[in-house]
Amino acid sequence: MKERPEEPALSRLRVVRLYRGRTQLAVSQRTRISPSRLSILERQLAEPTRRERKVLARLLRVSAKELFEKRPPILAEPELPTKAEKEAARKTAEAAEKKKGEAH
């Protein structure tokens, strides 16, 4: 029987992002960090720049130091999306549906 390689532990960045209920695409758009770069950071294949640390920490409401430490994160209660965030998500979904309908 083949042994499966051990999967690496989730990065603190990914854990916090998921805990906050944010997608990679949403975080990418809000921080202006490309989705591929964000993925690289979450997989810990590169060190974040000072700017990346700052904008990600601010968006995810956690200190930059805690966000990029190597130990598991300690998280508070999740914050629910604001009305503005819900409205923006609704508008984005509507625009996507409209664009999808126009394509057919």
PDB file of N, CA and C in Angstrom:
ATOM      1  N   MET A   1       0.832  -1.171   0.000  1.00  0.00           N
ATOM      2  CA  MET A   1       0.000   0.000   0.000  1.00  0.00           C
ATOM      3  C   MET A   1       0.883   1.244   0.000  1.00  0.00           C
ATOM      4  N   LYS A   2       0.545   2.177  -0.892  1.00  0.00           N
ATOM      5  CA  LYS A   2       1.323   3.401  -0.978  1.00  0.00           C
ATOM      6  C   LYS A   2       1.011   4.319   0.182  1.00  0.00           C
ATOM      7  N   GLU A   3       2.043   4.921   0.720  1.00  0.00           N
ATOM      8  CA  GLU A   3       1.831   5.909   1.774  1.00  0.00           C
ATOM      9  C   GLU A   3       1.667   7.266   1.129  1.00  0.00           C
ATOM     10  N   ARG A   4       0.672   7.999   1.597  1.00  0.00           N
ATOM     11  CA  ARG A   4       0.439   9.335   1.076  1.00  0.00           C
ATOM     12  C   ARG A   4       1.383  10.295   1.773  1.00  0.00           C
ATOM     13  N   PRO A   5       1.947  11.216   1.000  1.00  0.00           N
ATOM     14  CA  PRO A   5       2.811  12.199   1.658  1.00  0.00           C
ATOM     15  C   PRO A   5       1.977  13.046   2.617  1.00  0.00           C
ATOM     16  N   GLU A   6       2.592  13.410   3.704  1.00  0.00           N
ATOM     17  CA  GLU A   6       1.895  14.213   4.704  1.00  0.00           C
ATOM     18  C   GLU A   6       1.633  15.602   4.146  1.00  0.00           C
ATOM     19  N   GLU A   7       0.390  16.041   4.271  1.00  0.00           N
ATOM     20  CA  GLU A   7       0.043  17.373   3.781  1.00  0.00           C
ATOM     21  C   GLU A   7       0.598  18.417   4.736  1.00  0.00           C
ATOM     22  N   PRO A   8       1.102  19.523   4.175  1.00  0.00           N
ATOM     23  CA  PRO A   8       1.610  20.574   5.060  1.00  0.00           C
ATOM     24  C   PRO A   8       0.469  21.202   5.849  1.00  0.00           C
ATOM     25  N   ALA A   9       0.779  21.688   7.016  1.00  0.00           N
ATOM     26  CA  ALA A   9      -0.232  22.341   7.844  1.00  0.00           C
ATOM     27  C   ALA A   9      -0.701  23.610   7.146  1.00  0.00           C
ATOM     28  N   LEU A  10      -1.955  23.956   7.376  1.00  0.00           N
ATOM     29  CA  LEU A  10      -2.479  25.190   6.808  1.00  0.00           C
ATOM     30  C   LEU A  10      -1.729  26.375   7.389  1.00  0.00           C
ATOM     31  N   SER A  11      -1.445  27.340   6.546  1.00  0.00           N
ATOM     32  CA  SER A  11      -0.765  28.539   7.039  1.00  0.00           C
ATOM     33  C   SER A  11      -1.726  29.358   7.884  1.00  0.00           C
ATOM     34  N   ARG A  12      -1.171  30.167   8.738  1.00  0.00           N
ATOM     35  CA  ARG A  12      -1.998  31.045   9.575  1.00  0.00           C
ATOM     36  C   ARG A  12      -2.802  31.991   8.688  1.00  0.00           C
ATOM     37  N   LEU A  13      -2.195  32.471   7.612  1.00  0.00           N
ATOM     38  CA  LEU A  13      -2.895  33.363   6.690  1.00  0.00           C
ATOM     39  C   LEU A  13      -4.157  32.699   6.145  1.00  0.00           C
ATOM     40  N   ARG A  14      -4.025  31.467   5.697  1.00  0.00           N
ATOM     41  CA  ARG A  14      -5.187  30.759   5.143  1.00  0.00           C
ATOM     42  C   ARG A  14      -6.230  30.489   6.225  1.00  0.00           C
ATOM     43  N   VAL A  15      -5.796  30.072   7.390  1.00  0.00           N
ATOM     44  CA  VAL A  15      -6.725  29.771   8.479  1.00  0.00           C
ATOM     45  C   VAL A  15      -7.518  31.027   8.859  1.00  0.00           C
ATOM     46  N   VAL A  16      -6.825  32.140   9.009  1.00  0.00           N
ATOM     47  CA  VAL A  16      -7.501  33.383   9.387  1.00  0.00           C
ATOM     48  C   VAL A  16      -8.447  33.822   8.273  1.00  0.00           C
ATOM     49  N   ARG A  17      -7.999  33.726   7.018  1.00  0.00           N
ATOM     50  CA  ARG A  17      -8.853  34.115   5.889  1.00  0.00           C
ATOM     51  C   ARG A  17     -10.129  33.281   5.868  1.00  0.00           C
ATOM     52  N   LEU A  18      -9.991  31.991   6.022  1.00  0.00           N
ATOM     53  CA  LEU A  18     -11.164  31.114   6.029  1.00  0.00           C
ATOM     54  C   LEU A  18     -12.057  31.396   7.232  1.00  0.00           C
ATOM     55  N   TYR A  19     -11.441  31.617   8.374  1.00  0.00           N
ATOM     56  CA  TYR A  19     -12.190  31.906   9.592  1.00  0.00           C
ATOM     57  C   TYR A  19     -13.002  33.189   9.450  1.00  0.00           C
ATOM     58  N   ARG A  20     -12.441  34.154   8.748  1.00  0.00           N
ATOM     59  CA  ARG A  20     -13.137  35.421   8.520  1.00  0.00           C
ATOM     60  C   ARG A  20     -14.172  35.318   7.398  1.00  0.00           C
ATOM     61  N   GLY A  21     -14.244  34.149   6.763  1.00  0.00           N
ATOM     62  CA  GLY A  21     -15.243  33.938   5.720  1.00  0.00           C
ATOM     63  C   GLY A  21     -14.923  34.652   4.419  1.00  0.00           C
ATOM     64  N   ARG A  22     -13.662  34.831   4.127  1.00  0.00           N
ATOM     65  CA  ARG A  22     -13.255  35.545   2.916  1.00  0.00           C
ATOM     66  C   ARG A  22     -12.657  34.565   1.909  1.00  0.00           C
ATOM     67  N   THR A  23     -12.967  34.777   0.656  1.00  0.00           N
ATOM     68  CA  THR A  23     -12.375  33.961  -0.403  1.00  0.00           C
ATOM     69  C   THR A  23     -11.043  34.566  -0.811  1.00  0.00           C
ATOM     70  N   GLN A  24     -10.223  33.765  -1.485  1.00  0.00           N
ATOM     71  CA  GLN A  24      -8.955  34.299  -1.977  1.00  0.00           C
ATOM     72  C   GLN A  24      -9.208  35.442  -2.953  1.00  0.00           C
ATOM     73  N   LEU A  25     -10.213  35.287  -3.799  1.00  0.00           N
ATOM     74  CA  LEU A  25     -10.507  36.325  -4.779  1.00  0.00           C
ATOM     75  C   LEU A  25     -10.918  37.626  -4.098  1.00  0.00           C
ATOM     76  N   ALA A  26     -11.768  37.540  -3.084  1.00  0.00           N
ATOM     77  CA  ALA A  26     -12.204  38.747  -2.364  1.00  0.00           C
ATOM     78  C   ALA A  26     -11.023  39.433  -1.684  1.00  0.00           C
ATOM     79  N   VAL A  27     -10.169  38.654  -1.047  1.00  0.00           N
ATOM     80  CA  VAL A  27      -8.988  39.228  -0.383  1.00  0.00           C
ATOM     81  C   VAL A  27      -8.063  39.844  -1.428  1.00  0.00           C
ATOM     82  N   SER A  28      -7.899  39.163  -2.534  1.00  0.00           N
ATOM     83  CA  SER A  28      -7.054  39.663  -3.606  1.00  0.00           C
ATOM     84  C   SER A  28      -7.556  41.014  -4.117  1.00  0.00           C
ATOM     85  N   GLN A  29      -8.847  41.113  -4.344  1.00  0.00           N
ATOM     86  CA  GLN A  29      -9.421  42.361  -4.847  1.00  0.00           C
ATOM     87  C   GLN A  29      -9.283  43.493  -3.836  1.00  0.00           C
ATOM     88  N   ARG A  30      -9.525  43.208  -2.561  1.00  0.00           N
ATOM     89  CA  ARG A  30      -9.472  44.255  -1.535  1.00  0.00           C
ATOM     90  C   ARG A  30      -8.050  44.715  -1.245  1.00  0.00           C
ATOM     91  N   THR A  31      -7.071  43.828  -1.407  1.00  0.00           N
ATOM     92  CA  THR A  31      -5.688  44.165  -1.063  1.00  0.00           C
ATOM     93  C   THR A  31      -4.830  44.507  -2.273  1.00  0.00           C
ATOM     94  N   ARG A  32      -5.342  44.235  -3.461  1.00  0.00           N
ATOM     95  CA  ARG A  32      -4.594  44.435  -4.708  1.00  0.00           C
ATOM     96  C   ARG A  32      -3.345  43.546  -4.750  1.00  0.00           C
ATOM     97  N   ILE A  33      -3.465  42.371  -4.149  1.00  0.00           N
ATOM     98  CA  ILE A  33      -2.441  41.333  -4.258  1.00  0.00           C
ATOM     99  C   ILE A  33      -3.017  40.315  -5.228  1.00  0.00           C
ATOM    100  N   SER A  34      -2.269  39.933  -6.242  1.00  0.00           N
ATOM    101  CA  SER A  34      -2.817  39.021  -7.247  1.00  0.00           C
ATOM    102  C   SER A  34      -3.230  37.700  -6.597  1.00  0.00           C
ATOM    103  N   PRO A  35      -4.244  37.039  -7.156  1.00  0.00           N
ATOM    104  CA  PRO A  35      -4.673  35.749  -6.606  1.00  0.00           C
ATOM    105  C   PRO A  35      -3.536  34.729  -6.575  1.00  0.00           C
ATOM    106  N   SER A  36      -2.694  34.734  -7.602  1.00  0.00           N
ATOM    107  CA  SER A  36      -1.597  33.756  -7.615  1.00  0.00           C
ATOM    108  C   SER A  36      -0.579  34.061  -6.511  1.00  0.00           C
ATOM    109  N   ARG A  37      -0.295  35.344  -6.296  1.00  0.00           N
ATOM    110  CA  ARG A  37       0.640  35.728  -5.224  1.00  0.00           C
ATOM    111  C   ARG A  37       0.060  35.370  -3.863  1.00  0.00           C
ATOM    112  N   LEU A  38      -1.239  35.614  -3.695  1.00  0.00           N
ATOM    113  CA  LEU A  38      -1.894  35.276  -2.428  1.00  0.00           C
ATOM    114  C   LEU A  38      -1.810  33.773  -2.175  1.00  0.00           C
ATOM    115  N   SER A  39      -2.022  33.001  -3.213  1.00  0.00           N
ATOM    116  CA  SER A  39      -1.914  31.544  -3.085  1.00  0.00           C
ATOM    117  C   SER A  39      -0.501  31.132  -2.672  1.00  0.00           C
ATOM    118  N   ILE A  40       0.484  31.767  -3.277  1.00  0.00           N
ATOM    119  CA  ILE A  40       1.891  31.479  -2.927  1.00  0.00           C
ATOM    120  C   ILE A  40       2.147  31.810  -1.461  1.00  0.00           C
ATOM    121  N   LEU A  41       1.626  32.942  -1.003  1.00  0.00           N
ATOM    122  CA  LEU A  41       1.808  33.327   0.400  1.00  0.00           C
ATOM    123  C   LEU A  41       1.117  32.346   1.328  1.00  0.00           C
ATOM    124  N   GLU A  42      -0.096  31.916   0.954  1.00  0.00           N
ATOM    125  CA  GLU A  42      -0.826  30.972   1.804  1.00  0.00           C
ATOM    126  C   GLU A  42      -0.140  29.614   1.871  1.00  0.00           C
ATOM    127  N   ARG A  43       0.514  29.230   0.802  1.00  0.00           N
ATOM    128  CA  ARG A  43       1.234  27.945   0.790  1.00  0.00           C
ATOM    129  C   ARG A  43       2.643  28.088   1.351  1.00  0.00           C
ATOM    130  N   GLN A  44       2.978  29.292   1.806  1.00  0.00           N
ATOM    131  CA  GLN A  44       4.260  29.581   2.442  1.00  0.00           C
ATOM    132  C   GLN A  44       5.441  29.272   1.524  1.00  0.00           C
ATOM    133  N   LEU A  45       5.260  29.571   0.229  1.00  0.00           N
ATOM    134  CA  LEU A  45       6.331  29.350  -0.744  1.00  0.00           C
ATOM    135  C   LEU A  45       7.198  30.594  -0.915  1.00  0.00           C
ATOM    136  N   ALA A  46       6.751  31.708  -0.329  1.00  0.00           N
ATOM    137  CA  ALA A  46       7.510  32.953  -0.374  1.00  0.00           C
ATOM    138  C   ALA A  46       7.167  33.771   0.862  1.00  0.00           C
ATOM    139  N   GLU A  47       8.072  34.675   1.202  1.00  0.00           N
ATOM    140  CA  GLU A  47       7.837  35.579   2.329  1.00  0.00           C
ATOM    141  C   GLU A  47       7.074  36.804   1.822  1.00  0.00           C
ATOM    142  N   PRO A  48       6.104  37.285   2.597  1.00  0.00           N
ATOM    143  CA  PRO A  48       5.364  38.477   2.173  1.00  0.00           C
ATOM    144  C   PRO A  48       6.216  39.736   2.293  1.00  0.00           C
ATOM    145  N   THR A  49       5.924  40.696   1.430  1.00  0.00           N
ATOM    146  CA  THR A  49       6.590  41.990   1.531  1.00  0.00           C
ATOM    147  C   THR A  49       5.999  42.741   2.721  1.00  0.00           C
ATOM    148  N   ARG A  50       6.630  43.834   3.100  1.00  0.00           N
ATOM    149  CA  ARG A  50       6.120  44.647   4.202  1.00  0.00           C
ATOM    150  C   ARG A  50       4.709  45.151   3.884  1.00  0.00           C
ATOM    151  N   ARG A  51       4.493  45.619   2.641  1.00  0.00           N
ATOM    152  CA  ARG A  51       3.178  46.097   2.224  1.00  0.00           C
ATOM    153  C   ARG A  51       2.134  44.977   2.298  1.00  0.00           C
ATOM    154  N   GLU A  52       2.485  43.788   1.804  1.00  0.00           N
ATOM    155  CA  GLU A  52       1.546  42.656   1.833  1.00  0.00           C
ATOM    156  C   GLU A  52       1.165  42.302   3.269  1.00  0.00           C
ATOM    157  N   ARG A  53       2.152  42.282   4.146  1.00  0.00           N
ATOM    158  CA  ARG A  53       1.877  41.980   5.557  1.00  0.00           C
ATOM    159  C   ARG A  53       0.884  42.985   6.137  1.00  0.00           C
ATOM    160  N   LYS A  54       1.129  44.263   5.835  1.00  0.00           N
ATOM    161  CA  LYS A  54       0.315  45.333   6.386  1.00  0.00           C
ATOM    162  C   LYS A  54      -1.130  45.279   5.874  1.00  0.00           C
ATOM    163  N   VAL A  55      -1.323  45.166   4.560  1.00  0.00           N
ATOM    164  CA  VAL A  55      -2.688  45.193   4.014  1.00  0.00           C
ATOM    165  C   VAL A  55      -3.473  43.935   4.371  1.00  0.00           C
ATOM    166  N   LEU A  56      -2.797  42.802   4.409  1.00  0.00           N
ATOM    167  CA  LEU A  56      -3.496  41.562   4.781  1.00  0.00           C
ATOM    168  C   LEU A  56      -3.908  41.592   6.251  1.00  0.00           C
ATOM    169  N   ALA A  57      -3.013  42.049   7.103  1.00  0.00           N
ATOM    170  CA  ALA A  57      -3.323  42.125   8.530  1.00  0.00           C
ATOM    171  C   ALA A  57      -4.481  43.084   8.775  1.00  0.00           C
ATOM    172  N   ARG A  58      -4.471  44.214   8.103  1.00  0.00           N
ATOM    173  CA  ARG A  58      -5.540  45.200   8.282  1.00  0.00           C
ATOM    174  C   ARG A  58      -6.881  44.622   7.818  1.00  0.00           C
ATOM    175  N   LEU A  59      -6.894  44.012   6.643  1.00  0.00           N
ATOM    176  CA  LEU A  59      -8.139  43.458   6.110  1.00  0.00           C
ATOM    177  C   LEU A  59      -8.685  42.336   6.993  1.00  0.00           C
ATOM    178  N   LEU A  60      -7.799  41.471   7.466  1.00  0.00           N
ATOM    179  CA  LEU A  60      -8.233  40.311   8.254  1.00  0.00           C
ATOM    180  C   LEU A  60      -8.337  40.612   9.743  1.00  0.00           C
ATOM    181  N   ARG A  61      -8.054  41.853  10.126  1.00  0.00           N
ATOM    182  CA  ARG A  61      -8.210  42.327  11.505  1.00  0.00           C
ATOM    183  C   ARG A  61      -7.415  41.487  12.511  1.00  0.00           C
ATOM    184  N   VAL A  62      -6.135  41.361  12.210  1.00  0.00           N
ATOM    185  CA  VAL A  62      -5.221  40.643  13.075  1.00  0.00           C
ATOM    186  C   VAL A  62      -3.857  41.294  12.911  1.00  0.00           C
ATOM    187  N   SER A  63      -2.999  41.184  13.902  1.00  0.00           N
ATOM    188  CA  SER A  63      -1.679  41.798  13.775  1.00  0.00           C
ATOM    189  C   SER A  63      -0.853  41.055  12.722  1.00  0.00           C
ATOM    190  N   ALA A  64      -0.002  41.799  12.050  1.00  0.00           N
ATOM    191  CA  ALA A  64       0.854  41.198  11.027  1.00  0.00           C
ATOM    192  C   ALA A  64       1.751  40.129  11.643  1.00  0.00           C
ATOM    193  N   LYS A  65       2.233  40.407  12.852  1.00  0.00           N
ATOM    194  CA  LYS A  65       3.098  39.437  13.526  1.00  0.00           C
ATOM    195  C   LYS A  65       2.359  38.117  13.739  1.00  0.00           C
ATOM    196  N   GLU A  66       1.131  38.209  14.251  1.00  0.00           N
ATOM    197  CA  GLU A  66       0.355  36.993  14.494  1.00  0.00           C
ATOM    198  C   GLU A  66      -0.010  36.289  13.193  1.00  0.00           C
ATOM    199  N   LEU A  67      -0.295  37.069  12.155  1.00  0.00           N
ATOM    200  CA  LEU A  67      -0.737  36.501  10.888  1.00  0.00           C
ATOM    201  C   LEU A  67       0.331  35.645  10.235  1.00  0.00           C
ATOM    202  N   PHE A  68       1.588  35.994  10.427  1.00  0.00           N
ATOM    203  CA  PHE A  68       2.657  35.272   9.744  1.00  0.00           C
ATOM    204  C   PHE A  68       3.554  34.469  10.675  1.00  0.00           C
ATOM    205  N   GLU A  69       3.123  34.253  11.926  1.00  0.00           N
ATOM    206  CA  GLU A  69       3.862  33.375  12.826  1.00  0.00           C
ATOM    207  C   GLU A  69       3.697  31.931  12.360  1.00  0.00           C
ATOM    208  N   LYS A  70       4.580  31.096  12.797  1.00  0.00           N
ATOM    209  CA  LYS A  70       4.556  29.694  12.377  1.00  0.00           C
ATOM    210  C   LYS A  70       3.677  28.800  13.250  1.00  0.00           C
ATOM    211  N   ARG A  71       3.202  29.323  14.381  1.00  0.00           N
ATOM    212  CA  ARG A  71       2.361  28.496  15.262  1.00  0.00           C
ATOM    213  C   ARG A  71       0.885  28.679  14.885  1.00  0.00           C
ATOM    214  N   PRO A  72      -0.001  27.797  15.332  1.00  0.00           N
ATOM    215  CA  PRO A  72      -1.426  27.910  15.004  1.00  0.00           C
ATOM    216  C   PRO A  72      -2.016  29.212  15.539  1.00  0.00           C
ATOM    217  N   PRO A  73      -2.972  29.788  14.800  1.00  0.00           N
ATOM    218  CA  PRO A  73      -3.548  31.064  15.228  1.00  0.00           C
ATOM    219  C   PRO A  73      -4.505  30.938  16.393  1.00  0.00           C
ATOM    220  N   ILE A  74      -4.605  32.014  17.159  1.00  0.00           N
ATOM    221  CA  ILE A  74      -5.613  32.128  18.210  1.00  0.00           C
ATOM    222  C   ILE A  74      -6.585  33.173  17.703  1.00  0.00           C
ATOM    223  N   LEU A  75      -7.824  32.768  17.513  1.00  0.00           N
ATOM    224  CA  LEU A  75      -8.789  33.660  16.890  1.00  0.00           C
ATOM    225  C   LEU A  75      -9.932  34.012  17.826  1.00  0.00           C
ATOM    226  N   ALA A  76     -10.416  35.209  17.676  1.00  0.00           N
ATOM    227  CA  ALA A  76     -11.593  35.646  18.416  1.00  0.00           C
ATOM    228  C   ALA A  76     -12.838  35.197  17.650  1.00  0.00           C
ATOM    229  N   GLU A  77     -13.977  35.569  18.138  1.00  0.00           N
ATOM    230  CA  GLU A  77     -15.222  35.250  17.451  1.00  0.00           C
ATOM    231  C   GLU A  77     -15.203  35.836  16.043  1.00  0.00           C
ATOM    232  N   PRO A  78     -15.782  35.131  15.071  1.00  0.00           N
ATOM    233  CA  PRO A  78     -15.801  35.673  13.716  1.00  0.00           C
ATOM    234  C   PRO A  78     -16.662  36.930  13.641  1.00  0.00           C
ATOM    235  N   GLU A  79     -16.260  37.822  12.789  1.00  0.00           N
ATOM    236  CA  GLU A  79     -17.038  39.039  12.592  1.00  0.00           C
ATOM    237  C   GLU A  79     -17.960  38.821  11.408  1.00  0.00           C
ATOM    238  N   LEU A  80     -19.227  39.183  11.581  1.00  0.00           N
ATOM    239  CA  LEU A  80     -20.182  39.040  10.510  1.00  0.00           C
ATOM    240  C   LEU A  80     -19.960  40.138   9.487  1.00  0.00           C
ATOM    241  N   PRO A  81     -20.287  39.856   8.210  1.00  0.00           N
ATOM    242  CA  PRO A  81     -20.107  40.895   7.202  1.00  0.00           C
ATOM    243  C   PRO A  81     -20.993  42.101   7.492  1.00  0.00           C
ATOM    244  N   THR A  82     -20.498  43.260   7.145  1.00  0.00           N
ATOM    245  CA  THR A  82     -21.274  44.479   7.324  1.00  0.00           C
ATOM    246  C   THR A  82     -22.333  44.564   6.236  1.00  0.00           C
ATOM    247  N   LYS A  83     -23.284  45.480   6.401  1.00  0.00           N
ATOM    248  CA  LYS A  83     -24.306  45.684   5.379  1.00  0.00           C
ATOM    249  C   LYS A  83     -23.655  46.059   4.055  1.00  0.00           C
ATOM    250  N   ALA A  84     -22.654  46.905   4.121  1.00  0.00           N
ATOM    251  CA  ALA A  84     -21.963  47.339   2.899  1.00  0.00           C
ATOM    252  C   ALA A  84     -21.298  46.157   2.192  1.00  0.00           C
ATOM    253  N   GLU A  85     -20.680  45.266   2.972  1.00  0.00           N
ATOM    254  CA  GLU A  85     -20.043  44.086   2.375  1.00  0.00           C
ATOM    255  C   GLU A  85     -21.079  43.150   1.763  1.00  0.00           C
ATOM    256  N   LYS A  86     -22.209  42.970   2.439  1.00  0.00           N
ATOM    257  CA  LYS A  86     -23.283  42.136   1.900  1.00  0.00           C
ATOM    258  C   LYS A  86     -23.829  42.736   0.602  1.00  0.00           C
ATOM    259  N   GLU A  87     -24.027  44.062   0.598  1.00  0.00           N
ATOM    260  CA  GLU A  87     -24.552  44.741  -0.587  1.00  0.00           C
ATOM    261  C   GLU A  87     -23.574  44.632  -1.748  1.00  0.00           C
ATOM    262  N   ALA A  88     -22.289  44.798  -1.474  1.00  0.00           N
ATOM    263  CA  ALA A  88     -21.275  44.689  -2.519  1.00  0.00           C
ATOM    264  C   ALA A  88     -21.246  43.275  -3.097  1.00  0.00           C
ATOM    265  N   ALA A  89     -21.379  42.272  -2.252  1.00  0.00           N
ATOM    266  CA  ALA A  89     -21.398  40.883  -2.710  1.00  0.00           C
ATOM    267  C   ALA A  89     -22.631  40.622  -3.573  1.00  0.00           C
ATOM    268  N   ARG A  90     -23.767  41.184  -3.153  1.00  0.00           N
ATOM    269  CA  ARG A  90     -25.005  40.999  -3.923  1.00  0.00           C
ATOM    270  C   ARG A  90     -24.879  41.636  -5.297  1.00  0.00           C
ATOM    271  N   LYS A  91     -24.346  42.848  -5.353  1.00  0.00           N
ATOM    272  CA  LYS A  91     -24.177  43.547  -6.625  1.00  0.00           C
ATOM    273  C   LYS A  91     -23.214  42.803  -7.547  1.00  0.00           C
ATOM    274  N   THR A  92     -22.138  42.273  -6.971  1.00  0.00           N
ATOM    275  CA  THR A  92     -21.175  41.510  -7.761  1.00  0.00           C
ATOM    276  C   THR A  92     -21.831  40.266  -8.347  1.00  0.00           C
ATOM    277  N   ALA A  93     -22.631  39.577  -7.542  1.00  0.00           N
ATOM    278  CA  ALA A  93     -23.320  38.372  -8.016  1.00  0.00           C
ATOM    279  C   ALA A  93     -24.327  38.723  -9.111  1.00  0.00           C
ATOM    280  N   GLU A  94     -25.053  39.815  -8.929  1.00  0.00           N
ATOM    281  CA  GLU A  94     -26.021  40.243  -9.941  1.00  0.00           C
ATOM    282  C   GLU A  94     -25.324  40.598 -11.248  1.00  0.00           C
ATOM    283  N   ALA A  95     -24.210  41.304 -11.161  1.00  0.00           N
ATOM    284  CA  ALA A  95     -23.467  41.682 -12.359  1.00  0.00           C
ATOM    285  C   ALA A  95     -22.939  40.443 -13.084  1.00  0.00           C
ATOM    286  N   ALA A  96     -22.483  39.461 -12.318  1.00  0.00           N
ATOM    287  CA  ALA A  96     -21.983  38.227 -12.920  1.00  0.00           C
ATOM    288  C   ALA A  96     -23.115  37.481 -13.627  1.00  0.00           C
ATOM    289  N   GLU A  97     -24.286  37.439 -13.006  1.00  0.00           N
ATOM    290  CA  GLU A  97     -25.440  36.768 -13.615  1.00  0.00           C
ATOM    291  C   GLU A  97     -25.866  37.488 -14.898  1.00  0.00           C
ATOM    292  N   LYS A  98     -25.857  38.802 -14.855  1.00  0.00           N
ATOM    293  CA  LYS A  98     -26.238  39.600 -16.018  1.00  0.00           C
ATOM    294  C   LYS A  98     -25.260  39.351 -17.165  1.00  0.00           C
ATOM    295  N   LYS A  99     -23.970  39.361 -16.840  1.00  0.00           N
ATOM    296  CA  LYS A  99     -22.937  39.135 -17.852  1.00  0.00           C
ATOM    297  C   LYS A  99     -23.059  37.718 -18.419  1.00  0.00           C
ATOM    298  N   LYS A 100     -23.359  36.780 -17.554  1.00  0.00           N
ATOM    299  CA  LYS A 100     -23.517  35.376 -17.974  1.00  0.00           C
ATOM    300  C   LYS A 100     -24.708  35.266 -18.925  1.00  0.00           C
ATOM    301  N   GLY A 101     -25.805  35.943 -18.593  1.00  0.00           N
ATOM    302  CA  GLY A 101     -27.006  35.927 -19.432  1.00  0.00           C
ATOM    303  C   GLY A 101     -26.763  36.568 -20.789  1.00  0.00           C
ATOM    304  N   GLU A 102     -25.975  37.636 -20.820  1.00  0.00           N
ATOM    305  CA  GLU A 102     -25.672  38.317 -22.088  1.00  0.00           C
ATOM    306  C   GLU A 102     -24.780  37.474 -22.975  1.00  0.00           C
ATOM    307  N   ALA A 103     -23.977  36.610 -22.397  1.00  0.00           N
ATOM    308  CA  ALA A 103     -23.062  35.776 -23.161  1.00  0.00           C
ATOM    309  C   ALA A 103     -23.804  34.682 -23.929  1.00  0.00           C
ATOM    310  N   HIS A 104     -24.991  34.311 -23.479  1.00  0.00           N
ATOM    311  CA  HIS A 104     -25.747  33.228 -24.136  1.00  0.00           C
ATOM    312  C   HIS A 104     -26.698  33.735 -25.129  1.00  0.00           C
TER     313      HIS A 104
END
